[in-house]
């Protein structure tokens, strides 16, 4: 596993805002517990090039290492709250990107 910073980028369409809010409320404490840092989100991303523009929400956050990121994702508490996300959104992608090693 990499010790470099990893970034998560997610693109989703929120279909049940009330249910998704349950996910958001539980997301931040678990993210912080695993050393994660929220970067930003955008409900109106703008694509300059390419055939498949993004629709819905784009979310970005990061972890200091892949180990911490995988610990967060596999945390039973995260998996429990993620059911609210899964039931309230359509996910286009949920991707981990490795930062540069310097």
PDB file of N, CA and C in Angstrom:
ATOM      1  N   UNK A   1       0.841  -1.193   0.000  1.00  0.00           N
ATOM      2  CA  UNK A   1       0.000   0.000   0.000  1.00  0.00           C
ATOM      3  C   UNK A   1       0.876   1.243   0.000  1.00  0.00           C
ATOM      4  N   UNK A   2       0.363   2.266  -0.594  1.00  0.00           N
ATOM      5  CA  UNK A   2       1.096   3.507  -0.771  1.00  0.00           C
ATOM      6  C   UNK A   2       1.004   4.396   0.477  1.00  0.00           C
ATOM      7  N   UNK A   3       2.131   5.060   0.783  1.00  0.00           N
ATOM      8  CA  UNK A   3       2.132   6.037   1.867  1.00  0.00           C
ATOM      9  C   UNK A   3       1.885   7.449   1.352  1.00  0.00           C
ATOM     10  N   UNK A   4       1.619   7.593   0.058  1.00  0.00           N
ATOM     11  CA  UNK A   4       1.338   8.917  -0.490  1.00  0.00           C
ATOM     12  C   UNK A   4      -0.127   9.278  -0.251  1.00  0.00           C
ATOM     13  N   UNK A   5      -0.401  10.549  -0.340  1.00  0.00           N
ATOM     14  CA  UNK A   5      -1.771  11.034  -0.202  1.00  0.00           C
ATOM     15  C   UNK A   5      -2.647  10.402  -1.273  1.00  0.00           C
ATOM     16  N   UNK A   6      -3.856  10.032  -0.884  1.00  0.00           N
ATOM     17  CA  UNK A   6      -4.834   9.551  -1.852  1.00  0.00           C
ATOM     18  C   UNK A   6      -6.055  10.455  -1.805  1.00  0.00           C
ATOM     19  N   UNK A   7      -6.669  10.595  -2.961  1.00  0.00           N
ATOM     20  CA  UNK A   7      -7.830  11.460  -3.122  1.00  0.00           C
ATOM     21  C   UNK A   7      -9.016  10.616  -3.563  1.00  0.00           C
ATOM     22  N   UNK A   8     -10.184  10.962  -3.076  1.00  0.00           N
ATOM     23  CA  UNK A   8     -11.410  10.334  -3.539  1.00  0.00           C
ATOM     24  C   UNK A   8     -12.196  11.361  -4.337  1.00  0.00           C
ATOM     25  N   UNK A   9     -12.693  10.907  -5.464  1.00  0.00           N
ATOM     26  CA  UNK A   9     -13.562  11.722  -6.297  1.00  0.00           C
ATOM     27  C   UNK A   9     -14.809  10.890  -6.541  1.00  0.00           C
ATOM     28  N   UNK A  10     -15.941  11.460  -6.244  1.00  0.00           N
ATOM     29  CA  UNK A  10     -17.202  10.756  -6.446  1.00  0.00           C
ATOM     30  C   UNK A  10     -18.129  11.630  -7.278  1.00  0.00           C
ATOM     31  N   UNK A  11     -18.903  10.989  -8.135  1.00  0.00           N
ATOM     32  CA  UNK A  11     -19.935  11.680  -8.901  1.00  0.00           C
ATOM     33  C   UNK A  11     -21.230  10.922  -8.679  1.00  0.00           C
ATOM     34  N   UNK A  12     -22.221  11.614  -8.161  1.00  0.00           N
ATOM     35  CA  UNK A  12     -23.490  10.967  -7.847  1.00  0.00           C
ATOM     36  C   UNK A  12     -24.655  11.918  -8.092  1.00  0.00           C
ATOM     37  N   UNK A  13     -25.790  11.328  -8.282  1.00  0.00           N
ATOM     38  CA  UNK A  13     -27.025  12.091  -8.409  1.00  0.00           C
ATOM     39  C   UNK A  13     -27.877  11.783  -7.194  1.00  0.00           C
ATOM     40  N   UNK A  14     -28.212  12.815  -6.444  1.00  0.00           N
ATOM     41  CA  UNK A  14     -29.022  12.650  -5.235  1.00  0.00           C
ATOM     42  C   UNK A  14     -30.487  12.564  -5.644  1.00  0.00           C
ATOM     43  N   UNK A  15     -31.125  11.467  -5.290  1.00  0.00           N
ATOM     44  CA  UNK A  15     -32.519  11.252  -5.654  1.00  0.00           C
ATOM     45  C   UNK A  15     -33.464  11.391  -4.461  1.00  0.00           C
ATOM     46  N   UNK A  16     -32.941  11.240  -3.258  1.00  0.00           N
ATOM     47  CA  UNK A  16     -33.739  11.386  -2.039  1.00  0.00           C
ATOM     48  C   UNK A  16     -32.904  12.202  -1.054  1.00  0.00           C
ATOM     49  N   UNK A  17     -33.107  13.521  -1.088  1.00  0.00           N
ATOM     50  CA  UNK A  17     -32.274  14.432  -0.306  1.00  0.00           C
ATOM     51  C   UNK A  17     -32.374  14.159   1.205  1.00  0.00           C
ATOM     52  N   UNK A  18     -33.534  13.854   1.703  1.00  0.00           N
ATOM     53  CA  UNK A  18     -33.716  13.594   3.135  1.00  0.00           C
ATOM     54  C   UNK A  18     -32.898  12.377   3.581  1.00  0.00           C
ATOM     55  N   UNK A  19     -32.945  11.329   2.796  1.00  0.00           N
ATOM     56  CA  UNK A  19     -32.164  10.124   3.108  1.00  0.00           C
ATOM     57  C   UNK A  19     -30.665  10.396   2.983  1.00  0.00           C
ATOM     58  N   UNK A  20     -30.276  11.175   1.977  1.00  0.00           N
ATOM     59  CA  UNK A  20     -28.866  11.505   1.782  1.00  0.00           C
ATOM     60  C   UNK A  20     -28.332  12.337   2.946  1.00  0.00           C
ATOM     61  N   UNK A  21     -29.160  13.189   3.539  1.00  0.00           N
ATOM     62  CA  UNK A  21     -28.723  13.987   4.690  1.00  0.00           C
ATOM     63  C   UNK A  21     -28.324  13.103   5.869  1.00  0.00           C
ATOM     64  N   UNK A  22     -28.960  11.940   6.007  1.00  0.00           N
ATOM     65  CA  UNK A  22     -28.569  10.995   7.058  1.00  0.00           C
ATOM     66  C   UNK A  22     -27.142  10.516   6.819  1.00  0.00           C
ATOM     67  N   UNK A  23     -26.791  10.302   5.568  1.00  0.00           N
ATOM     68  CA  UNK A  23     -25.424   9.909   5.210  1.00  0.00           C
ATOM     69  C   UNK A  23     -24.452  11.042   5.532  1.00  0.00           C
ATOM     70  N   UNK A  24     -24.784  12.258   5.107  1.00  0.00           N
ATOM     71  CA  UNK A  24     -23.890  13.390   5.337  1.00  0.00           C
ATOM     72  C   UNK A  24     -23.606  13.590   6.823  1.00  0.00           C
ATOM     73  N   UNK A  25     -24.626  13.454   7.667  1.00  0.00           N
ATOM     74  CA  UNK A  25     -24.448  13.658   9.106  1.00  0.00           C
ATOM     75  C   UNK A  25     -23.449  12.671   9.707  1.00  0.00           C
ATOM     76  N   UNK A  26     -23.452  11.441   9.242  1.00  0.00           N
ATOM     77  CA  UNK A  26     -22.537  10.447   9.762  1.00  0.00           C
ATOM     78  C   UNK A  26     -21.185  10.421   9.076  1.00  0.00           C
ATOM     79  N   UNK A  27     -21.110  10.975   7.874  1.00  0.00           N
ATOM     80  CA  UNK A  27     -19.893  10.921   7.062  1.00  0.00           C
ATOM     81  C   UNK A  27     -18.715  11.643   7.703  1.00  0.00           C
ATOM     82  N   UNK A  28     -18.902  12.876   8.104  1.00  0.00           N
ATOM     83  CA  UNK A  28     -17.785  13.718   8.539  1.00  0.00           C
ATOM     84  C   UNK A  28     -17.069  13.209   9.780  1.00  0.00           C
ATOM     85  N   UNK A  29     -17.759  12.766  10.829  1.00  0.00           N
ATOM     86  CA  UNK A  29     -17.028  12.243  11.996  1.00  0.00           C
ATOM     87  C   UNK A  29     -16.180  11.008  11.664  1.00  0.00           C
ATOM     88  N   UNK A  30     -16.682  10.138  10.797  1.00  0.00           N
ATOM     89  CA  UNK A  30     -15.930   8.931  10.452  1.00  0.00           C
ATOM     90  C   UNK A  30     -14.754   9.289   9.550  1.00  0.00           C
ATOM     91  N   UNK A  31     -14.939  10.237   8.655  1.00  0.00           N
ATOM     92  CA  UNK A  31     -13.843  10.713   7.810  1.00  0.00           C
ATOM     93  C   UNK A  31     -12.703  11.239   8.687  1.00  0.00           C
ATOM     94  N   UNK A  32     -13.042  12.082   9.637  1.00  0.00           N
ATOM     95  CA  UNK A  32     -12.044  12.684  10.526  1.00  0.00           C
ATOM     96  C   UNK A  32     -11.354  11.623  11.384  1.00  0.00           C
ATOM     97  N   UNK A  33     -12.112  10.653  11.869  1.00  0.00           N
ATOM     98  CA  UNK A  33     -11.565   9.570  12.695  1.00  0.00           C
ATOM     99  C   UNK A  33     -10.421   8.846  11.992  1.00  0.00           C
ATOM    100  N   UNK A  34     -10.491   8.766  10.665  1.00  0.00           N
ATOM    101  CA  UNK A  34      -9.481   8.046   9.885  1.00  0.00           C
ATOM    102  C   UNK A  34      -8.468   8.978   9.231  1.00  0.00           C
ATOM    103  N   UNK A  35      -8.413  10.222   9.664  1.00  0.00           N
ATOM    104  CA  UNK A  35      -7.421  11.164   9.148  1.00  0.00           C
ATOM    105  C   UNK A  35      -7.800  11.789   7.819  1.00  0.00           C
ATOM    106  N   UNK A  36      -9.051  11.624   7.399  1.00  0.00           N
ATOM    107  CA  UNK A  36      -9.493  12.181   6.127  1.00  0.00           C
ATOM    108  C   UNK A  36      -9.803  13.660   6.229  1.00  0.00           C
ATOM    109  N   UNK A  37      -9.735  14.302   5.094  1.00  0.00           N
ATOM    110  CA  UNK A  37     -10.003  15.740   5.014  1.00  0.00           C
ATOM    111  C   UNK A  37     -10.932  16.008   3.838  1.00  0.00           C
ATOM    112  N   UNK A  38     -12.048  16.651   4.108  1.00  0.00           N
ATOM    113  CA  UNK A  38     -12.992  17.028   3.066  1.00  0.00           C
ATOM    114  C   UNK A  38     -12.392  18.178   2.271  1.00  0.00           C
ATOM    115  N   UNK A  39     -12.452  18.111   0.942  1.00  0.00           N
ATOM    116  CA  UNK A  39     -11.919  19.182   0.100  1.00  0.00           C
ATOM    117  C   UNK A  39     -13.044  20.077  -0.399  1.00  0.00           C
ATOM    118  N   UNK A  40     -13.994  19.503  -1.146  1.00  0.00           N
ATOM    119  CA  UNK A  40     -15.073  20.318  -1.697  1.00  0.00           C
ATOM    120  C   UNK A  40     -16.153  19.438  -2.315  1.00  0.00           C
ATOM    121  N   UNK A  41     -17.251  20.066  -2.674  1.00  0.00           N
ATOM    122  CA  UNK A  41     -18.261  19.422  -3.513  1.00  0.00           C
ATOM    123  C   UNK A  41     -18.829  20.484  -4.442  1.00  0.00           C
ATOM    124  N   UNK A  42     -19.437  20.027  -5.528  1.00  0.00           N
ATOM    125  CA  UNK A  42     -20.038  20.942  -6.492  1.00  0.00           C
ATOM    126  C   UNK A  42     -21.266  20.264  -7.088  1.00  0.00           C
ATOM    127  N   UNK A  43     -22.405  20.937  -7.022  1.00  0.00           N
ATOM    128  CA  UNK A  43     -23.631  20.396  -7.595  1.00  0.00           C
ATOM    129  C   UNK A  43     -23.820  20.782  -9.060  1.00  0.00           C
ATOM    130  N   UNK A  44     -22.915  21.595  -9.594  1.00  0.00           N
ATOM    131  CA  UNK A  44     -23.012  22.007 -11.003  1.00  0.00           C
ATOM    132  C   UNK A  44     -21.628  21.994 -11.645  1.00  0.00           C
ATOM    133  N   UNK A  45     -20.994  20.812 -11.745  1.00  0.00           N
ATOM    134  CA  UNK A  45     -19.669  20.753 -12.366  1.00  0.00           C
ATOM    135  C   UNK A  45     -19.747  21.114 -13.848  1.00  0.00           C
ATOM    136  N   UNK A  46     -18.679  21.677 -14.354  1.00  0.00           N
ATOM    137  CA  UNK A  46     -18.648  22.118 -15.741  1.00  0.00           C
ATOM    138  C   UNK A  46     -17.544  21.370 -16.483  1.00  0.00           C
ATOM    139  N   UNK A  47     -17.910  20.653 -17.531  1.00  0.00           N
ATOM    140  CA  UNK A  47     -16.954  19.888 -18.324  1.00  0.00           C
ATOM    141  C   UNK A  47     -16.534  20.720 -19.532  1.00  0.00           C
ATOM    142  N   UNK A  48     -15.225  20.875 -19.709  1.00  0.00           N
ATOM    143  CA  UNK A  48     -14.701  21.643 -20.828  1.00  0.00           C
ATOM    144  C   UNK A  48     -14.418  20.783 -22.052  1.00  0.00           C
ATOM    145  N   UNK A  49     -14.032  19.538 -21.856  1.00  0.00           N
ATOM    146  CA  UNK A  49     -13.741  18.650 -22.967  1.00  0.00           C
ATOM    147  C   UNK A  49     -14.194  17.247 -22.629  1.00  0.00           C
ATOM    148  N   UNK A  50     -14.416  16.440 -23.641  1.00  0.00           N
ATOM    149  CA  UNK A  50     -14.799  15.050 -23.442  1.00  0.00           C
ATOM    150  C   UNK A  50     -16.245  14.798 -23.794  1.00  0.00           C
ATOM    151  N   UNK A  51     -16.559  13.546 -24.001  1.00  0.00           N
ATOM    152  CA  UNK A  51     -17.893  13.152 -24.436  1.00  0.00           C
ATOM    153  C   UNK A  51     -18.889  13.004 -23.298  1.00  0.00           C
ATOM    154  N   UNK A  52     -18.404  12.710 -22.112  1.00  0.00           N
ATOM    155  CA  UNK A  52     -19.299  12.414 -20.997  1.00  0.00           C
ATOM    156  C   UNK A  52     -19.152  13.458 -19.898  1.00  0.00           C
ATOM    157  N   UNK A  53     -19.924  14.513 -19.990  1.00  0.00           N
ATOM    158  CA  UNK A  53     -19.905  15.519 -18.941  1.00  0.00           C
ATOM    159  C   UNK A  53     -20.494  14.970 -17.658  1.00  0.00           C
ATOM    160  N   UNK A  54     -20.086  15.520 -16.547  1.00  0.00           N
ATOM    161  CA  UNK A  54     -20.581  15.078 -15.251  1.00  0.00           C
ATOM    162  C   UNK A  54     -21.929  15.710 -14.971  1.00  0.00           C
ATOM    163  N   UNK A  55     -22.796  14.928 -14.366  1.00  0.00           N
ATOM    164  CA  UNK A  55     -24.086  15.438 -13.921  1.00  0.00           C
ATOM    165  C   UNK A  55     -24.232  15.133 -12.441  1.00  0.00           C
ATOM    166  N   UNK A  56     -24.986  15.943 -11.734  1.00  0.00           N
ATOM    167  CA  UNK A  56     -25.183  15.705 -10.315  1.00  0.00           C
ATOM    168  C   UNK A  56     -24.058  16.308  -9.499  1.00  0.00           C
ATOM    169  N   UNK A  57     -23.767  15.696  -8.386  1.00  0.00           N
ATOM    170  CA  UNK A  57     -22.790  16.199  -7.419  1.00  0.00           C
ATOM    171  C   UNK A  57     -21.429  15.533  -7.615  1.00  0.00           C
ATOM    172  N   UNK A  58     -20.382  16.343  -7.534  1.00  0.00           N
ATOM    173  CA  UNK A  58     -19.019  15.835  -7.494  1.00  0.00           C
ATOM    174  C   UNK A  58     -18.479  16.156  -6.102  1.00  0.00           C
ATOM    175  N   UNK A  59     -17.899  15.148  -5.451  1.00  0.00           N
ATOM    176  CA  UNK A  59     -17.362  15.293  -4.100  1.00  0.00           C
ATOM    177  C   UNK A  59     -15.884  14.921  -4.130  1.00  0.00           C
ATOM    178  N   UNK A  60     -15.056  15.694  -3.402  1.00  0.00           N
ATOM    179  CA  UNK A  60     -13.627  15.401  -3.315  1.00  0.00           C
ATOM    180  C   UNK A  60     -13.173  15.457  -1.860  1.00  0.00           C
ATOM    181  N   UNK A  61     -12.404  14.445  -1.444  1.00  0.00           N
ATOM    182  CA  UNK A  61     -11.791  14.429  -0.125  1.00  0.00           C
ATOM    183  C   UNK A  61     -10.514  13.616  -0.206  1.00  0.00           C
ATOM    184  N   UNK A  62      -9.686  13.673   0.861  1.00  0.00           N
ATOM    185  CA  UNK A  62      -8.383  13.021   0.791  1.00  0.00           C
ATOM    186  C   UNK A  62      -7.989  12.398   2.116  1.00  0.00           C
ATOM    187  N   UNK A  63      -7.007  11.501   2.031  1.00  0.00           N
ATOM    188  CA  UNK A  63      -6.405  10.846   3.190  1.00  0.00           C
ATOM    189  C   UNK A  63      -4.897  10.907   3.047  1.00  0.00           C
ATOM    190  N   UNK A  64      -4.161  10.904   4.167  1.00  0.00           N
ATOM    191  CA  UNK A  64      -2.701  10.936   4.106  1.00  0.00           C
ATOM    192  C   UNK A  64      -2.080   9.674   3.507  1.00  0.00           C
ATOM    193  N   UNK A  65      -2.831   8.563   3.486  1.00  0.00           N
ATOM    194  CA  UNK A  65      -2.278   7.321   2.952  1.00  0.00           C
ATOM    195  C   UNK A  65      -3.398   6.400   2.472  1.00  0.00           C
ATOM    196  N   UNK A  66      -3.020   5.457   1.646  1.00  0.00           N
ATOM    197  CA  UNK A  66      -3.970   4.456   1.168  1.00  0.00           C
ATOM    198  C   UNK A  66      -4.475   3.591   2.318  1.00  0.00           C
ATOM    199  N   UNK A  67      -3.595   3.287   3.262  1.00  0.00           N
ATOM    200  CA  UNK A  67      -3.982   2.465   4.410  1.00  0.00           C
ATOM    201  C   UNK A  67      -5.109   3.131   5.205  1.00  0.00           C
ATOM    202  N   UNK A  68      -4.961   4.427   5.475  1.00  0.00           N
ATOM    203  CA  UNK A  68      -6.007   5.153   6.206  1.00  0.00           C
ATOM    204  C   UNK A  68      -7.300   5.209   5.395  1.00  0.00           C
ATOM    205  N   UNK A  69      -7.178   5.406   4.078  1.00  0.00           N
ATOM    206  CA  UNK A  69      -8.362   5.469   3.218  1.00  0.00           C
ATOM    207  C   UNK A  69      -9.112   4.143   3.229  1.00  0.00           C
ATOM    208  N   UNK A  70      -8.392   3.053   3.108  1.00  0.00           N
ATOM    209  CA  UNK A  70      -9.045   1.749   3.102  1.00  0.00           C
ATOM    210  C   UNK A  70      -9.612   1.409   4.477  1.00  0.00           C
ATOM    211  N   UNK A  71      -8.933   1.872   5.537  1.00  0.00           N
ATOM    212  CA  UNK A  71      -9.476   1.692   6.884  1.00  0.00           C
ATOM    213  C   UNK A  71     -10.791   2.418   7.053  1.00  0.00           C
ATOM    214  N   UNK A  72     -10.879   3.629   6.500  1.00  0.00           N
ATOM    215  CA  UNK A  72     -12.126   4.391   6.541  1.00  0.00           C
ATOM    216  C   UNK A  72     -13.221   3.659   5.775  1.00  0.00           C
ATOM    217  N   UNK A  73     -12.920   3.261   4.531  1.00  0.00           N
ATOM    218  CA  UNK A  73     -13.945   2.644   3.695  1.00  0.00           C
ATOM    219  C   UNK A  73     -14.445   1.328   4.293  1.00  0.00           C
ATOM    220  N   UNK A  74     -13.544   0.570   4.901  1.00  0.00           N
ATOM    221  CA  UNK A  74     -13.910  -0.729   5.470  1.00  0.00           C
ATOM    222  C   UNK A  74     -14.416  -0.660   6.908  1.00  0.00           C
ATOM    223  N   UNK A  75     -14.415   0.516   7.494  1.00  0.00           N
ATOM    224  CA  UNK A  75     -14.908   0.697   8.861  1.00  0.00           C
ATOM    225  C   UNK A  75     -16.392   0.311   8.893  1.00  0.00           C
ATOM    226  N   UNK A  76     -16.784  -0.598   9.783  1.00  0.00           N
ATOM    227  CA  UNK A  76     -18.198  -0.988   9.862  1.00  0.00           C
ATOM    228  C   UNK A  76     -19.143   0.199  10.071  1.00  0.00           C
ATOM    229  N   UNK A  77     -18.681   1.222  10.788  1.00  0.00           N
ATOM    230  CA  UNK A  77     -19.529   2.403  10.992  1.00  0.00           C
ATOM    231  C   UNK A  77     -19.749   3.132   9.671  1.00  0.00           C
ATOM    232  N   UNK A  78     -18.705   3.223   8.843  1.00  0.00           N
ATOM    233  CA  UNK A  78     -18.882   3.860   7.541  1.00  0.00           C
ATOM    234  C   UNK A  78     -19.789   3.018   6.652  1.00  0.00           C
ATOM    235  N   UNK A  79     -19.559   1.739   6.628  1.00  0.00           N
ATOM    236  CA  UNK A  79     -20.392   0.878   5.787  1.00  0.00           C
ATOM    237  C   UNK A  79     -21.866   0.972   6.193  1.00  0.00           C
ATOM    238  N   UNK A  80     -22.115   1.115   7.487  1.00  0.00           N
ATOM    239  CA  UNK A  80     -23.504   1.245   7.957  1.00  0.00           C
ATOM    240  C   UNK A  80     -24.138   2.534   7.443  1.00  0.00           C
ATOM    241  N   UNK A  81     -23.434   3.669   7.579  1.00  0.00           N
ATOM    242  CA  UNK A  81     -24.047   4.921   7.110  1.00  0.00           C
ATOM    243  C   UNK A  81     -24.075   5.005   5.591  1.00  0.00           C
ATOM    244  N   UNK A  82     -23.160   4.310   4.918  1.00  0.00           N
ATOM    245  CA  UNK A  82     -23.133   4.379   3.456  1.00  0.00           C
ATOM    246  C   UNK A  82     -24.383   3.771   2.830  1.00  0.00           C
ATOM    247  N   UNK A  83     -25.107   2.970   3.594  1.00  0.00           N
ATOM    248  CA  UNK A  83     -26.369   2.438   3.082  1.00  0.00           C
ATOM    249  C   UNK A  83     -27.354   3.567   2.775  1.00  0.00           C
ATOM    250  N   UNK A  84     -27.276   4.662   3.533  1.00  0.00           N
ATOM    251  CA  UNK A  84     -28.122   5.829   3.250  1.00  0.00           C
ATOM    252  C   UNK A  84     -27.739   6.442   1.906  1.00  0.00           C
ATOM    253  N   UNK A  85     -26.434   6.499   1.610  1.00  0.00           N
ATOM    254  CA  UNK A  85     -25.977   7.017   0.316  1.00  0.00           C
ATOM    255  C   UNK A  85     -26.419   6.092  -0.814  1.00  0.00           C
ATOM    256  N   UNK A  86     -26.213   4.820  -0.612  1.00  0.00           N
ATOM    257  CA  UNK A  86     -26.549   3.849  -1.663  1.00  0.00           C
ATOM    258  C   UNK A  86     -28.045   3.869  -1.998  1.00  0.00           C
ATOM    259  N   UNK A  87     -28.872   4.047  -0.977  1.00  0.00           N
ATOM    260  CA  UNK A  87     -30.318   4.008  -1.214  1.00  0.00           C
ATOM    261  C   UNK A  87     -30.881   5.337  -1.715  1.00  0.00           C
ATOM    262  N   UNK A  88     -30.094   6.408  -1.624  1.00  0.00           N
ATOM    263  CA  UNK A  88     -30.628   7.725  -1.975  1.00  0.00           C
ATOM    264  C   UNK A  88     -29.979   8.358  -3.196  1.00  0.00           C
ATOM    265  N   UNK A  89     -29.007   7.675  -3.800  1.00  0.00           N
ATOM    266  CA  UNK A  89     -28.297   8.251  -4.932  1.00  0.00           C
ATOM    267  C   UNK A  89     -28.089   7.222  -6.041  1.00  0.00           C
ATOM    268  N   UNK A  90     -27.748   7.743  -7.195  1.00  0.00           N
ATOM    269  CA  UNK A  90     -27.190   6.935  -8.270  1.00  0.00           C
ATOM    270  C   UNK A  90     -25.731   7.339  -8.381  1.00  0.00           C
ATOM    271  N   UNK A  91     -24.836   6.385  -8.247  1.00  0.00           N
ATOM    272  CA  UNK A  91     -23.390   6.664  -8.300  1.00  0.00           C
ATOM    273  C   UNK A  91     -22.894   6.431  -9.720  1.00  0.00           C
ATOM    274  N   UNK A  92     -22.250   7.440 -10.283  1.00  0.00           N
ATOM    275  CA  UNK A  92     -21.587   7.263 -11.574  1.00  0.00           C
ATOM    276  C   UNK A  92     -20.188   6.700 -11.364  1.00  0.00           C
ATOM    277  N   UNK A  93     -19.475   7.225 -10.358  1.00  0.00           N
ATOM    278  CA  UNK A  93     -18.194   6.660  -9.964  1.00  0.00           C
ATOM    279  C   UNK A  93     -17.821   7.115  -8.563  1.00  0.00           C
ATOM    280  N   UNK A  94     -17.001   6.297  -7.915  1.00  0.00           N
ATOM    281  CA  UNK A  94     -16.467   6.558  -6.580  1.00  0.00           C
ATOM    282  C   UNK A  94     -15.038   6.029  -6.643  1.00  0.00           C
ATOM    283  N   UNK A  95     -14.074   6.909  -6.867  1.00  0.00           N
ATOM    284  CA  UNK A  95     -12.736   6.527  -7.290  1.00  0.00           C
ATOM    285  C   UNK A  95     -11.668   7.046  -6.342  1.00  0.00           C
ATOM    286  N   UNK A  96     -10.673   6.195  -6.065  1.00  0.00           N
ATOM    287  CA  UNK A  96      -9.492   6.611  -5.299  1.00  0.00           C
ATOM    288  C   UNK A  96      -8.362   6.879  -6.284  1.00  0.00           C
ATOM    289  N   UNK A  97      -7.735   8.054  -6.142  1.00  0.00           N
ATOM    290  CA  UNK A  97      -6.636   8.461  -7.011  1.00  0.00           C
ATOM    291  C   UNK A  97      -5.410   8.685  -6.134  1.00  0.00           C
ATOM    292  N   UNK A  98      -4.281   8.083  -6.513  1.00  0.00           N
ATOM    293  CA  UNK A  98      -3.037   8.246  -5.748  1.00  0.00           C
ATOM    294  C   UNK A  98      -2.336   9.539  -6.129  1.00  0.00           C
ATOM    295  N   UNK A  99      -1.860  10.241  -5.097  1.00  0.00           N
ATOM    296  CA  UNK A  99      -1.088  11.460  -5.327  1.00  0.00           C
ATOM    297  C   UNK A  99       0.317  11.123  -5.793  1.00  0.00           C
ATOM    298  N   UNK A 100       1.052  12.125  -6.192  1.00  0.00           N
ATOM    299  CA  UNK A 100       2.428  11.927  -6.640  1.00  0.00           C
ATOM    300  C   UNK A 100       3.342  11.638  -5.454  1.00  0.00           C
ATOM    301  N   UNK A 101       4.263  10.734  -5.637  1.00  0.00           N
ATOM    302  CA  UNK A 101       5.294  10.475  -4.640  1.00  0.00           C
ATOM    303  C   UNK A 101       6.464  11.397  -4.935  1.00  0.00           C
ATOM    304  N   UNK A 102       6.873  12.164  -3.953  1.00  0.00           N
ATOM    305  CA  UNK A 102       8.025  13.072  -4.165  1.00  0.00           C
ATOM    306  C   UNK A 102       9.129  12.776  -3.184  1.00  0.00           C
TER     307      UNK A 102
END
